Amino acid sequence: MPTLTREIREQLLTYDQEFQKLTQLHSEYESQLRQLSQASYLNLEDLQQEATLKKLKLRVKDAMERHIAQRLHPPAAR
């Protein structure tokens, strides 16, 4: 991750409540996925939950990346 992106991420974590929420959600989904992966056997419900968590985690990560991109490339003033 380039330094500028890392700096923007740190700023957003400090000042942007929505970004903080997204980061927390991403972390929670990751934790739940980690718990599932430690099971020796996953039934159908577990596999469905795993797929859902992966999709949710990806959506949250995409939203976080959009926040960073908006900071990197703010819309032009008219």
Protein backbone atom coordinates (compact mmCIF):
# COMPACT_ATOMS: atom_id res chain seq x y z
CA MET A 1 0.00 0.00 0.00
CA PRO A 2 1.56 3.33 -1.01
CA THR A 3 2.44 5.71 1.81
CA LEU A 4 -0.17 8.30 0.75
CA THR A 5 -2.93 5.69 0.89
CA ARG A 6 -1.73 4.54 4.30
CA GLU A 7 -1.73 8.14 5.55
CA ILE A 8 -5.25 8.72 4.23
CA ARG A 9 -6.41 5.49 5.87
CA GLU A 10 -4.95 6.64 9.20
CA GLN A 11 -6.64 10.05 8.87
CA LEU A 12 -9.97 8.43 8.07
CA LEU A 13 -9.62 6.08 11.04
CA THR A 14 -9.01 9.10 13.24
CA TYR A 15 -11.62 11.53 11.92
CA ASP A 16 -14.28 9.73 9.85
CA GLN A 17 -16.94 7.89 11.86
CA GLU A 18 -18.33 6.05 8.84
CA PHE A 19 -14.86 4.75 7.96
CA GLN A 20 -14.40 3.70 11.60
CA LYS A 21 -17.68 1.75 11.44
CA LEU A 22 -16.64 0.09 8.20
CA THR A 23 -13.30 -0.89 9.70
CA GLN A 24 -15.04 -2.36 12.74
CA LEU A 25 -17.46 -4.34 10.57
CA HIS A 26 -14.60 -5.65 8.44
CA SER A 27 -12.81 -6.78 11.58
CA GLU A 28 -15.93 -8.49 12.95
CA TYR A 29 -16.52 -10.37 9.70
CA GLU A 30 -12.87 -11.44 9.65
CA SER A 31 -13.16 -12.70 13.22
CA GLN A 32 -16.29 -14.69 12.42
CA LEU A 33 -14.61 -16.20 9.36
CA ARG A 34 -11.59 -17.14 11.46
CA GLN A 35 -13.88 -18.91 13.94
CA LEU A 36 -15.56 -20.87 11.15
CA SER A 37 -12.23 -21.86 9.64
CA GLN A 38 -11.15 -23.44 12.92
CA ALA A 39 -14.04 -25.90 12.88
CA SER A 40 -13.05 -29.41 11.88
CA TYR A 41 -16.30 -29.87 9.96
CA LEU A 42 -18.58 -27.34 8.30
CA ASN A 43 -22.18 -28.30 7.63
CA LEU A 44 -24.23 -26.72 4.86
CA GLU A 45 -25.40 -23.87 7.09
CA ASP A 46 -21.80 -23.09 8.09
CA LEU A 47 -20.72 -23.08 4.45
CA GLN A 48 -23.54 -20.71 3.56
CA GLN A 49 -22.64 -18.45 6.47
CA GLU A 50 -19.00 -18.48 5.35
CA ALA A 51 -19.97 -17.43 1.81
CA THR A 52 -22.22 -14.68 3.16
CA LEU A 53 -19.52 -13.37 5.49
CA LYS A 54 -16.98 -13.30 2.66
CA LYS A 55 -19.37 -11.30 0.49
CA LEU A 56 -20.17 -8.87 3.31
CA LYS A 57 -16.49 -8.45 4.12
CA LEU A 58 -15.73 -7.71 0.47
CA ARG A 59 -18.53 -5.13 0.26
CA VAL A 60 -17.20 -3.38 3.35
CA LYS A 61 -13.65 -3.42 1.97
CA ASP A 62 -14.91 -1.93 -1.31
CA ALA A 63 -16.67 0.84 0.64
CA MET A 64 -13.46 1.53 2.56
CA GLU A 65 -11.50 1.71 -0.70
CA ARG A 66 -14.06 4.15 -2.13
CA HIS A 67 -13.56 6.40 0.91
CA ILE A 68 -9.80 6.34 0.34
CA ALA A 69 -10.19 6.98 -3.39
CA GLN A 70 -12.44 9.97 -2.72
CA ARG A 71 -9.69 11.44 -0.55
CA LEU A 72 -7.04 10.70 -3.16
CA HIS A 73 -9.08 12.13 -6.05
CA PRO A 74 -11.61 14.65 -4.72
CA PRO A 75 -14.30 15.74 -7.20
CA ALA A 76 -13.41 18.85 -9.15
CA ALA A 77 -15.02 22.08 -7.93
CA ARG A 78 -17.40 23.72 -10.37
